[in-house]
All heavy atoms as atom14 arrays in JSON, in Angstrom:
{
  "sequence": "FTDLPRRGGCFTSGMLAWAFAMSEKKFVPDRMIRDDWDRVLDMRPL",
  "atom14_mask": [
    [1, 1, 1, 1, 1, 1, 1, 1, 1, 1, 1, 0, 0, 0],
    [1, 1, 1, 1, 1, 1, 1, 0, 0, 0, 0, 0, 0, 0],
    [1, 1, 1, 1, 1, 1, 1, 1, 0, 0, 0, 0, 0, 0],
    [1, 1, 1, 1, 1, 1, 1, 1, 0, 0, 0, 0, 0, 0],
    [1, 1, 1, 1, 1, 1, 1, 0, 0, 0, 0, 0, 0, 0],
    [1, 1, 1, 1, 1, 1, 1, 1, 1, 1, 1, 0, 0, 0],
    [1, 1, 1, 1, 1, 1, 1, 1, 1, 1, 1, 0, 0, 0],
    [1, 1, 1, 1, 0, 0, 0, 0, 0, 0, 0, 0, 0, 0],
    [1, 1, 1, 1, 0, 0, 0, 0, 0, 0, 0, 0, 0, 0],
    [1, 1, 1, 1, 1, 1, 0, 0, 0, 0, 0, 0, 0, 0],
    [1, 1, 1, 1, 1, 1, 1, 1, 1, 1, 1, 0, 0, 0],
    [1, 1, 1, 1, 1, 1, 1, 0, 0, 0, 0, 0, 0, 0],
    [1, 1, 1, 1, 1, 1, 0, 0, 0, 0, 0, 0, 0, 0],
    [1, 1, 1, 1, 0, 0, 0, 0, 0, 0, 0, 0, 0, 0],
    [1, 1, 1, 1, 1, 1, 1, 1, 0, 0, 0, 0, 0, 0],
    [1, 1, 1, 1, 1, 1, 1, 1, 0, 0, 0, 0, 0, 0],
    [1, 1, 1, 1, 1, 0, 0, 0, 0, 0, 0, 0, 0, 0],
    [1, 1, 1, 1, 1, 1, 1, 1, 1, 1, 1, 1, 1, 1],
    [1, 1, 1, 1, 1, 0, 0, 0, 0, 0, 0, 0, 0, 0],
    [1, 1, 1, 1, 1, 1, 1, 1, 1, 1, 1, 0, 0, 0],
    [1, 1, 1, 1, 1, 0, 0, 0, 0, 0, 0, 0, 0, 0],
    [1, 1, 1, 1, 1, 1, 1, 1, 0, 0, 0, 0, 0, 0],
    [1, 1, 1, 1, 1, 1, 0, 0, 0, 0, 0, 0, 0, 0],
    [1, 1, 1, 1, 1, 1, 1, 1, 1, 0, 0, 0, 0, 0],
    [1, 1, 1, 1, 1, 1, 1, 1, 1, 0, 0, 0, 0, 0],
    [1, 1, 1, 1, 1, 1, 1, 1, 1, 0, 0, 0, 0, 0],
    [1, 1, 1, 1, 1, 1, 1, 1, 1, 1, 1, 0, 0, 0],
    [1, 1, 1, 1, 1, 1, 1, 0, 0, 0, 0, 0, 0, 0],
    [1, 1, 1, 1, 1, 1, 1, 0, 0, 0, 0, 0, 0, 0],
    [1, 1, 1, 1, 1, 1, 1, 1, 0, 0, 0, 0, 0, 0],
    [1, 1, 1, 1, 1, 1, 1, 1, 1, 1, 1, 0, 0, 0],
    [1, 1, 1, 1, 1, 1, 1, 1, 0, 0, 0, 0, 0, 0],
    [1, 1, 1, 1, 1, 1, 1, 1, 0, 0, 0, 0, 0, 0],
    [1, 1, 1, 1, 1, 1, 1, 1, 1, 1, 1, 0, 0, 0],
    [1, 1, 1, 1, 1, 1, 1, 1, 0, 0, 0, 0, 0, 0],
    [1, 1, 1, 1, 1, 1, 1, 1, 0, 0, 0, 0, 0, 0],
    [1, 1, 1, 1, 1, 1, 1, 1, 1, 1, 1, 1, 1, 1],
    [1, 1, 1, 1, 1, 1, 1, 1, 0, 0, 0, 0, 0, 0],
    [1, 1, 1, 1, 1, 1, 1, 1, 1, 1, 1, 0, 0, 0],
    [1, 1, 1, 1, 1, 1, 1, 0, 0, 0, 0, 0, 0, 0],
    [1, 1, 1, 1, 1, 1, 1, 1, 0, 0, 0, 0, 0, 0],
    [1, 1, 1, 1, 1, 1, 1, 1, 0, 0, 0, 0, 0, 0],
    [1, 1, 1, 1, 1, 1, 1, 1, 0, 0, 0, 0, 0, 0],
    [1, 1, 1, 1, 1, 1, 1, 1, 1, 1, 1, 0, 0, 0],
    [1, 1, 1, 1, 1, 1, 1, 0, 0, 0, 0, 0, 0, 0],
    [1, 1, 1, 1, 1, 1, 1, 1, 0, 0, 0, 0, 0, 0]
  ],
  "atom14_positions": [
    [[-0.62, -12.75, -9.23], [-1.97, -12.65, -9.76], [-2.96, -13.58, -9.04], [-4.16, -13.47, -9.25], [-1.98, -12.92, -11.26], [-1.49, -11.75, -12.08], [-0.14, -11.42, -12.11], [-2.37, -10.96, -12.8], [0.32, -10.34, -12.85], [-1.93, -9.88, -13.54], [-0.58, -9.55, -13.56], [0.0, 0.0, 0.0], [0.0, 0.0, 0.0], [0.0, 0.0, 0.0]],
    [[-2.43, -14.47, -8.2], [-3.29, -15.31, -7.36], [-3.43, -14.72, -5.97], [-4.49, -14.79, -5.35], [-2.71, -16.74, -7.27], [-2.66, -17.29, -8.59], [-3.57, -17.63, -6.4], [0.0, 0.0, 0.0], [0.0, 0.0, 0.0], [0.0, 0.0, 0.0], [0.0, 0.0, 0.0], [0.0, 0.0, 0.0], [0.0, 0.0, 0.0], [0.0, 0.0, 0.0]],
    [[-2.35, -14.13, -5.47], [-2.32, -13.59, -4.12], [-2.17, -12.07, -4.19], [-3.08, -11.37, -4.59], [-1.19, -14.28, -3.35], [-1.19, -13.96, -1.87], [-2.21, -13.49, -1.35], [-0.15, -14.2, -1.22], [0.0, 0.0, 0.0], [0.0, 0.0, 0.0], [0.0, 0.0, 0.0], [0.0, 0.0, 0.0], [0.0, 0.0, 0.0], [0.0, 0.0, 0.0]],
    [[-1.03, -11.57, -3.8], [-0.77, -10.13, -3.81], [0.48, -9.84, -4.64], [1.37, -10.68, -4.7], [-0.53, -9.63, -2.37], [-1.66, -9.86, -1.36], [-1.22, -9.38, 0.02], [-2.92, -9.15, -1.78], [0.0, 0.0, 0.0], [0.0, 0.0, 0.0], [0.0, 0.0, 0.0], [0.0, 0.0, 0.0], [0.0, 0.0, 0.0], [0.0, 0.0, 0.0]],
    [[0.57, -8.69, -5.31], [-0.34, -7.53, -5.24], [-1.33, -7.42, -6.39], [-1.99, -6.41, -6.54], [0.66, -6.37, -5.33], [1.71, -6.86, -6.28], [1.84, -8.34, -5.99], [0.0, 0.0, 0.0], [0.0, 0.0, 0.0], [0.0, 0.0, 0.0], [0.0, 0.0, 0.0], [0.0, 0.0, 0.0], [0.0, 0.0, 0.0], [0.0, 0.0, 0.0]],
    [[-1.48, -8.48, -7.23], [-2.3, -8.37, -8.43], [-3.41, -9.41, -8.44], [-3.76, -9.95, -9.48], [-1.42, -8.51, -9.68], [-0.42, -7.4, -9.91], [-1.1, -6.05, -10.15], [-2.13, -6.13, -11.16], [-1.9, -6.09, -12.48], [-0.67, -5.94, -12.93], [-2.89, -6.18, -13.34], [0.0, 0.0, 0.0], [0.0, 0.0, 0.0], [0.0, 0.0, 0.0]],
    [[-4.0, -9.68, -7.29], [-4.99, -10.74, -7.2], [-6.12, -10.55, -8.21], [-6.74, -9.49, -8.3], [-5.57, -10.8, -5.79], [-6.46, -12.0, -5.58], [-6.76, -12.2, -4.13], [-7.92, -13.05, -3.96], [-8.67, -13.07, -2.88], [-8.37, -12.28, -1.86], [-9.71, -13.86, -2.79], [0.0, 0.0, 0.0], [0.0, 0.0, 0.0], [0.0, 0.0, 0.0]],
    [[-6.33, -11.6, -9.01], [-7.37, -11.55, -10.03], [-7.11, -10.54, -11.12], [-8.01, -10.21, -11.9], [0.0, 0.0, 0.0], [0.0, 0.0, 0.0], [0.0, 0.0, 0.0], [0.0, 0.0, 0.0], [0.0, 0.0, 0.0], [0.0, 0.0, 0.0], [0.0, 0.0, 0.0], [0.0, 0.0, 0.0], [0.0, 0.0, 0.0], [0.0, 0.0, 0.0]],
    [[-5.86, -10.04, -11.21], [-5.53, -9.01, -12.21], [-5.81, -7.61, -11.73], [-5.45, -6.64, -12.39], [0.0, 0.0, 0.0], [0.0, 0.0, 0.0], [0.0, 0.0, 0.0], [0.0, 0.0, 0.0], [0.0, 0.0, 0.0], [0.0, 0.0, 0.0], [0.0, 0.0, 0.0], [0.0, 0.0, 0.0], [0.0, 0.0, 0.0], [0.0, 0.0, 0.0]],
    [[-6.47, -7.48, -10.58], [-6.69, -6.16, -9.99], [-5.39, -5.7, -9.34], [-4.38, -6.39, -9.39], [-7.81, -6.24, -8.94], [-9.33, -7.02, -9.55], [0.0, 0.0, 0.0], [0.0, 0.0, 0.0], [0.0, 0.0, 0.0], [0.0, 0.0, 0.0], [0.0, 0.0, 0.0], [0.0, 0.0, 0.0], [0.0, 0.0, 0.0], [0.0, 0.0, 0.0]],
    [[-5.4, -4.53, -8.73], [-4.23, -4.06, -8.01], [-4.65, -3.83, -6.56], [-5.52, -3.0, -6.29], [-3.64, -2.79, -8.61], [-2.21, -2.55, -8.22], [-1.18, -2.97, -9.03], [-1.9, -1.92, -7.02], [0.15, -2.78, -8.66], [-0.59, -1.72, -6.65], [0.45, -2.15, -7.46], [0.0, 0.0, 0.0], [0.0, 0.0, 0.0], [0.0, 0.0, 0.0]],
    [[-4.04, -4.57, -5.65], [-4.5, -4.55, -4.26], [-4.03, -3.31, -3.52], [-2.86, -3.21, -3.14], [-4.03, -5.82, -3.52], [-2.65, -6.05, -3.81], [-4.82, -7.02, -3.93], [0.0, 0.0, 0.0], [0.0, 0.0, 0.0], [0.0, 0.0, 0.0], [0.0, 0.0, 0.0], [0.0, 0.0, 0.0], [0.0, 0.0, 0.0], [0.0, 0.0, 0.0]],
    [[-4.95, -2.42, -3.3], [-4.67, -1.21, -2.53], [-4.39, -1.56, -1.08], [-3.7, -0.82, -0.38], [-5.86, -0.25, -2.61], [-7.06, -0.89, -2.21], [0.0, 0.0, 0.0], [0.0, 0.0, 0.0], [0.0, 0.0, 0.0], [0.0, 0.0, 0.0], [0.0, 0.0, 0.0], [0.0, 0.0, 0.0], [0.0, 0.0, 0.0], [0.0, 0.0, 0.0]],
    [[-4.91, -2.7, -0.62], [-4.72, -3.1, 0.78], [-3.28, -3.34, 1.15], [-2.94, -3.32, 2.34], [0.0, 0.0, 0.0], [0.0, 0.0, 0.0], [0.0, 0.0, 0.0], [0.0, 0.0, 0.0], [0.0, 0.0, 0.0], [0.0, 0.0, 0.0], [0.0, 0.0, 0.0], [0.0, 0.0, 0.0], [0.0, 0.0, 0.0], [0.0, 0.0, 0.0]],
    [[-2.38, -3.57, 0.15], [-0.98, -3.79, 0.47], [-0.18, -2.49, 0.52], [1.02, -2.49, 0.77], [-0.33, -4.74, -0.55], [-0.54, -4.42, -2.02], [0.2, -2.91, -2.69], [1.91, -3.23, -2.37], [0.0, 0.0, 0.0], [0.0, 0.0, 0.0], [0.0, 0.0, 0.0], [0.0, 0.0, 0.0], [0.0, 0.0, 0.0], [0.0, 0.0, 0.0]],
    [[-0.86, -1.36, 0.32], [-0.14, -0.09, 0.26], [0.51, 0.25, 1.6], [1.61, 0.83, 1.63], [-1.09, 1.03, -0.17], [-0.45, 2.23, -0.86], [0.32, 1.8, -2.1], [-1.51, 3.26, -1.23], [0.0, 0.0, 0.0], [0.0, 0.0, 0.0], [0.0, 0.0, 0.0], [0.0, 0.0, 0.0], [0.0, 0.0, 0.0], [0.0, 0.0, 0.0]],
    [[-0.14, -0.11, 2.7], [0.45, 0.15, 4.02], [1.79, -0.59, 4.14], [2.78, -0.04, 4.64], [-0.51, -0.28, 5.13], [0.0, 0.0, 0.0], [0.0, 0.0, 0.0], [0.0, 0.0, 0.0], [0.0, 0.0, 0.0], [0.0, 0.0, 0.0], [0.0, 0.0, 0.0], [0.0, 0.0, 0.0], [0.0, 0.0, 0.0], [0.0, 0.0, 0.0]],
    [[1.82, -1.84, 3.68], [3.07, -2.6, 3.69], [4.12, -1.94, 2.79], [5.29, -1.81, 3.18], [2.81, -4.03, 3.24], [4.03, -4.91, 3.2], [4.59, -5.59, 4.24], [4.84, -5.2, 2.06], [5.7, -6.28, 3.82], [5.88, -6.06, 2.49], [4.81, -4.82, 0.71], [6.87, -6.55, 1.62], [5.79, -5.3, -0.15], [6.8, -6.16, 0.3]],
    [[3.7, -1.5, 1.62], [4.64, -0.86, 0.69], [5.25, 0.39, 1.32], [6.45, 0.65, 1.17], [3.93, -0.51, -0.62], [0.0, 0.0, 0.0], [0.0, 0.0, 0.0], [0.0, 0.0, 0.0], [0.0, 0.0, 0.0], [0.0, 0.0, 0.0], [0.0, 0.0, 0.0], [0.0, 0.0, 0.0], [0.0, 0.0, 0.0], [0.0, 0.0, 0.0]],
    [[4.44, 1.16, 2.03], [4.96, 2.36, 2.71], [6.01, 1.96, 3.74], [7.05, 2.61, 3.87], [3.82, 3.12, 3.39], [3.04, 4.02, 2.46], [3.03, 3.82, 1.09], [2.31, 5.08, 2.97], [2.32, 4.64, 0.24], [1.59, 5.93, 2.14], [1.58, 5.71, 0.77], [0.0, 0.0, 0.0], [0.0, 0.0, 0.0], [0.0, 0.0, 0.0]],
    [[5.73, 0.89, 4.5], [6.68, 0.46, 5.54], [7.97, -0.06, 4.94], [9.02, -0.05, 5.6], [6.03, -0.61, 6.41], [0.0, 0.0, 0.0], [0.0, 0.0, 0.0], [0.0, 0.0, 0.0], [0.0, 0.0, 0.0], [0.0, 0.0, 0.0], [0.0, 0.0, 0.0], [0.0, 0.0, 0.0], [0.0, 0.0, 0.0], [0.0, 0.0, 0.0]],
    [[7.92, -0.51, 3.68], [9.1, -1.08, 3.02], [9.78, -0.08, 2.1], [10.6, -0.44, 1.26], [8.69, -2.32, 2.22], [8.03, -3.4, 3.05], [9.09, -4.06, 4.35], [10.23, -5.03, 3.38], [0.0, 0.0, 0.0], [0.0, 0.0, 0.0], [0.0, 0.0, 0.0], [0.0, 0.0, 0.0], [0.0, 0.0, 0.0], [0.0, 0.0, 0.0]],
    [[9.46, 1.2, 2.24], [9.94, 2.22, 1.31], [11.39, 2.62, 1.55], [12.01, 3.25, 0.7], [9.05, 3.46, 1.39], [9.01, 3.97, 2.72], [0.0, 0.0, 0.0], [0.0, 0.0, 0.0], [0.0, 0.0, 0.0], [0.0, 0.0, 0.0], [0.0, 0.0, 0.0], [0.0, 0.0, 0.0], [0.0, 0.0, 0.0], [0.0, 0.0, 0.0]],
    [[11.94, 2.27, 2.7], [13.35, 2.51, 2.99], [14.09, 1.18, 3.0], [13.48, 0.11, 3.0], [13.51, 3.19, 4.36], [12.74, 4.49, 4.52], [13.38, 5.66, 3.8], [14.52, 5.49, 3.31], [12.74, 6.73, 3.72], [0.0, 0.0, 0.0], [0.0, 0.0, 0.0], [0.0, 0.0, 0.0], [0.0, 0.0, 0.0], [0.0, 0.0, 0.0]],
    [[15.4, 1.23, 3.09], [16.17, 0.0, 3.15], [15.92, -0.75, 4.46], [16.09, -1.96, 4.54], [17.66, 0.29, 2.98], [18.48, -0.94, 2.64], [19.89, -0.61, 2.21], [20.61, -1.9, 1.77], [22.01, -1.67, 1.4], [0.0, 0.0, 0.0], [0.0, 0.0, 0.0], [0.0, 0.0, 0.0], [0.0, 0.0, 0.0], [0.0, 0.0, 0.0]],
    [[15.5, 0.0, 5.47], [15.15, -0.57, 6.76], [13.66, -0.48, 6.95], [13.03, 0.52, 6.6], [15.89, 0.18, 7.88], [15.7, -0.42, 9.25], [16.57, 0.3, 10.28], [16.42, -0.33, 11.66], [17.28, 0.32, 12.67], [0.0, 0.0, 0.0], [0.0, 0.0, 0.0], [0.0, 0.0, 0.0], [0.0, 0.0, 0.0], [0.0, 0.0, 0.0]],
    [[13.06, -1.51, 7.51], [11.62, -1.58, 7.75], [11.18, -0.45, 8.67], [11.76, -0.22, 9.73], [11.3, -2.94, 8.38], [9.85, -3.21, 8.63], [8.91, -3.06, 7.62], [9.41, -3.65, 9.87], [7.56, -3.33, 7.84], [8.08, -3.94, 10.11], [7.15, -3.77, 9.09], [0.0, 0.0, 0.0], [0.0, 0.0, 0.0], [0.0, 0.0, 0.0]],
    [[10.12, 0.3, 8.24], [9.61, 1.43, 9.03], [8.12, 1.19, 9.28], [7.26, 1.74, 8.58], [9.83, 2.77, 8.3], [9.51, 3.94, 9.24], [11.24, 2.89, 7.75], [0.0, 0.0, 0.0], [0.0, 0.0, 0.0], [0.0, 0.0, 0.0], [0.0, 0.0, 0.0], [0.0, 0.0, 0.0], [0.0, 0.0, 0.0], [0.0, 0.0, 0.0]],
    [[7.77, 0.38, 10.28], [6.36, 0.0, 10.48], [5.44, 1.18, 10.79], [4.24, 1.11, 10.52], [6.42, -0.98, 11.65], [7.72, -0.71, 12.34], [8.65, -0.26, 11.27], [0.0, 0.0, 0.0], [0.0, 0.0, 0.0], [0.0, 0.0, 0.0], [0.0, 0.0, 0.0], [0.0, 0.0, 0.0], [0.0, 0.0, 0.0], [0.0, 0.0, 0.0]],
    [[5.96, 2.25, 11.35], [5.13, 3.41, 11.67], [4.48, 4.02, 10.43], [3.45, 4.7, 10.54], [5.95, 4.49, 12.38], [6.33, 4.07, 13.81], [5.79, 3.05, 14.28], [7.17, 4.75, 14.42], [0.0, 0.0, 0.0], [0.0, 0.0, 0.0], [0.0, 0.0, 0.0], [0.0, 0.0, 0.0], [0.0, 0.0, 0.0], [0.0, 0.0, 0.0]],
    [[5.04, 3.76, 9.27], [4.47, 4.33, 8.04], [3.17, 3.66, 7.63], [2.48, 4.14, 6.73], [5.5, 4.27, 6.91], [6.65, 5.23, 7.13], [7.51, 5.42, 5.92], [8.52, 6.43, 6.18], [9.59, 6.65, 5.43], [9.77, 5.9, 4.35], [10.45, 7.59, 5.73], [0.0, 0.0, 0.0], [0.0, 0.0, 0.0], [0.0, 0.0, 0.0]],
    [[2.82, 2.56, 8.27], [1.54, 1.92, 7.97], [0.39, 2.64, 8.66], [-0.76, 2.5, 8.27], [1.57, 0.45, 8.43], [2.51, -0.42, 7.63], [2.32, -2.2, 7.97], [3.08, -2.33, 9.58], [0.0, 0.0, 0.0], [0.0, 0.0, 0.0], [0.0, 0.0, 0.0], [0.0, 0.0, 0.0], [0.0, 0.0, 0.0], [0.0, 0.0, 0.0]],
    [[0.71, 3.38, 9.69], [-0.34, 3.97, 10.53], [-0.61, 5.4, 10.08], [0.22, 6.29, 10.22], [0.09, 3.94, 12.01], [0.38, 2.5, 12.44], [-0.99, 4.55, 12.89], [1.04, 2.37, 13.79], [0.0, 0.0, 0.0], [0.0, 0.0, 0.0], [0.0, 0.0, 0.0], [0.0, 0.0, 0.0], [0.0, 0.0, 0.0], [0.0, 0.0, 0.0]],
    [[-1.8, 5.62, 9.53], [-2.22, 6.93, 9.05], [-3.71, 7.11, 9.33], [-4.46, 6.14, 9.37], [-1.99, 7.08, 7.53], [-0.58, 6.85, 7.04], [-0.51, 7.04, 5.53], [-0.73, 8.41, 5.15], [0.22, 9.24, 4.72], [1.47, 8.83, 4.63], [-0.07, 10.47, 4.37], [0.0, 0.0, 0.0], [0.0, 0.0, 0.0], [0.0, 0.0, 0.0]],
    [[-4.11, 8.36, 9.47], [-5.55, 8.63, 9.64], [-6.15, 9.21, 8.36], [-7.31, 9.65, 8.36], [-5.79, 9.57, 10.82], [-5.04, 10.9, 10.69], [-4.5, 11.18, 9.59], [-5.0, 11.64, 11.68], [0.0, 0.0, 0.0], [0.0, 0.0, 0.0], [0.0, 0.0, 0.0], [0.0, 0.0, 0.0], [0.0, 0.0, 0.0], [0.0, 0.0, 0.0]],
    [[-5.38, 9.2, 7.27], [-5.88, 9.77, 6.01], [-5.81, 8.77, 4.87], [-5.64, 9.15, 3.7], [-5.08, 11.03, 5.65], [-3.6, 10.75, 5.36], [-3.11, 9.66, 5.73], [-2.94, 11.63, 4.77], [0.0, 0.0, 0.0], [0.0, 0.0, 0.0], [0.0, 0.0, 0.0], [0.0, 0.0, 0.0], [0.0, 0.0, 0.0], [0.0, 0.0, 0.0]],
    [[-5.96, 7.48, 5.17], [-5.86, 6.48, 4.11], [-6.93, 6.69, 3.03], [-6.67, 6.44, 1.84], [-5.96, 5.07, 4.69], [-4.66, 4.54, 5.21], [-4.35, 4.22, 6.5], [-3.47, 4.26, 4.45], [-3.05, 3.76, 6.59], [-2.5, 3.78, 5.35], [-3.13, 4.39, 3.1], [-1.21, 3.41, 4.94], [-1.86, 4.01, 2.69], [-0.92, 3.54, 3.6]],
    [[-8.12, 7.12, 3.41], [-9.16, 7.37, 2.39], [-8.67, 8.37, 1.35], [-8.86, 8.19, 0.15], [-10.44, 7.89, 3.06], [-11.28, 6.78, 3.64], [-11.02, 5.61, 3.31], [-12.19, 7.07, 4.43], [0.0, 0.0, 0.0], [0.0, 0.0, 0.0], [0.0, 0.0, 0.0], [0.0, 0.0, 0.0], [0.0, 0.0, 0.0], [0.0, 0.0, 0.0]],
    [[-8.05, 9.42, 1.82], [-7.54, 10.44, 0.9], [-6.4, 9.89, 0.06], [-6.34, 10.12, -1.17], [-7.04, 11.65, 1.71], [-6.49, 12.8, 0.87], [-5.97, 13.93, 1.73], [-4.8, 13.53, 2.51], [-3.55, 13.59, 2.04], [-3.32, 14.01, 0.8], [-2.54, 13.23, 2.8], [0.0, 0.0, 0.0], [0.0, 0.0, 0.0], [0.0, 0.0, 0.0]],
    [[-5.5, 9.12, 0.68], [-4.36, 8.56, -0.04], [-4.82, 7.63, -1.15], [-4.31, 7.67, -2.28], [-3.42, 7.82, 0.95], [-2.36, 7.04, 0.2], [-2.77, 8.82, 1.91], [0.0, 0.0, 0.0], [0.0, 0.0, 0.0], [0.0, 0.0, 0.0], [0.0, 0.0, 0.0], [0.0, 0.0, 0.0], [0.0, 0.0, 0.0], [0.0, 0.0, 0.0]],
    [[-5.8, 6.79, -0.87], [-6.25, 5.81, -1.86], [-6.96, 6.45, -3.04], [-7.11, 5.82, -4.09], [-7.17, 4.78, -1.2], [-6.52, 3.88, -0.14], [-7.54, 2.9, 0.42], [-5.32, 3.13, -0.7], [0.0, 0.0, 0.0], [0.0, 0.0, 0.0], [0.0, 0.0, 0.0], [0.0, 0.0, 0.0], [0.0, 0.0, 0.0], [0.0, 0.0, 0.0]],
    [[-7.39, 7.69, -2.89], [-8.07, 8.38, -3.99], [-7.09, 9.13, -4.91], [-7.51, 9.69, -5.93], [-9.09, 9.37, -3.44], [-10.32, 8.68, -2.88], [-10.56, 7.51, -3.27], [-11.04, 9.28, -2.06], [0.0, 0.0, 0.0], [0.0, 0.0, 0.0], [0.0, 0.0, 0.0], [0.0, 0.0, 0.0], [0.0, 0.0, 0.0], [0.0, 0.0, 0.0]],
    [[-5.82, 9.17, -4.56], [-4.83, 9.9, -5.37], [-4.59, 9.19, -6.7], [-4.55, 7.97, -6.77], [-3.51, 10.02, -4.61], [-3.58, 10.88, -3.36], [-2.0, 10.83, -2.44], [-2.38, 11.93, -1.07], [0.0, 0.0, 0.0], [0.0, 0.0, 0.0], [0.0, 0.0, 0.0], [0.0, 0.0, 0.0], [0.0, 0.0, 0.0], [0.0, 0.0, 0.0]],
    [[-4.45, 9.97, -7.75], [-4.14, 9.45, -9.08], [-3.16, 10.39, -9.78], [-3.15, 11.58, -9.51], [-5.42, 9.32, -9.94], [-6.42, 8.29, -9.44], [-5.88, 6.85, -9.52], [-6.88, 5.9, -9.07], [-7.14, 5.6, -7.8], [-6.44, 6.17, -6.83], [-8.07, 4.73, -7.48], [0.0, 0.0, 0.0], [0.0, 0.0, 0.0], [0.0, 0.0, 0.0]],
    [[-2.31, 9.85, -10.69], [-2.16, 8.43, -10.99], [-1.51, 7.7, -9.82], [-0.91, 8.33, -8.93], [-1.28, 8.41, -12.23], [-0.47, 9.67, -12.13], [-1.4, 10.68, -11.5], [0.0, 0.0, 0.0], [0.0, 0.0, 0.0], [0.0, 0.0, 0.0], [0.0, 0.0, 0.0], [0.0, 0.0, 0.0], [0.0, 0.0, 0.0], [0.0, 0.0, 0.0]],
    [[-1.59, 6.39, -9.82], [-1.12, 5.61, -8.68], [0.38, 5.8, -8.44], [0.83, 5.76, -7.29], [-1.43, 4.13, -8.89], [-2.91, 3.76, -9.04], [-3.08, 2.25, -9.16], [-3.73, 4.29, -7.87], [0.0, 0.0, 0.0], [0.0, 0.0, 0.0], [0.0, 0.0, 0.0], [0.0, 0.0, 0.0], [0.0, 0.0, 0.0], [0.0, 0.0, 0.0]]
  ]
}
């Protein structure tokens, strides 16, 4: 709640790229790179 992912009680969308890269047991950095992040961040529910 001081840093990430809940800074100030909000939910940090900026860490989503990292979460995508950590979605497998092995780190997949290519999953951070997308050209549709605007669309992804508008999806609900989270």
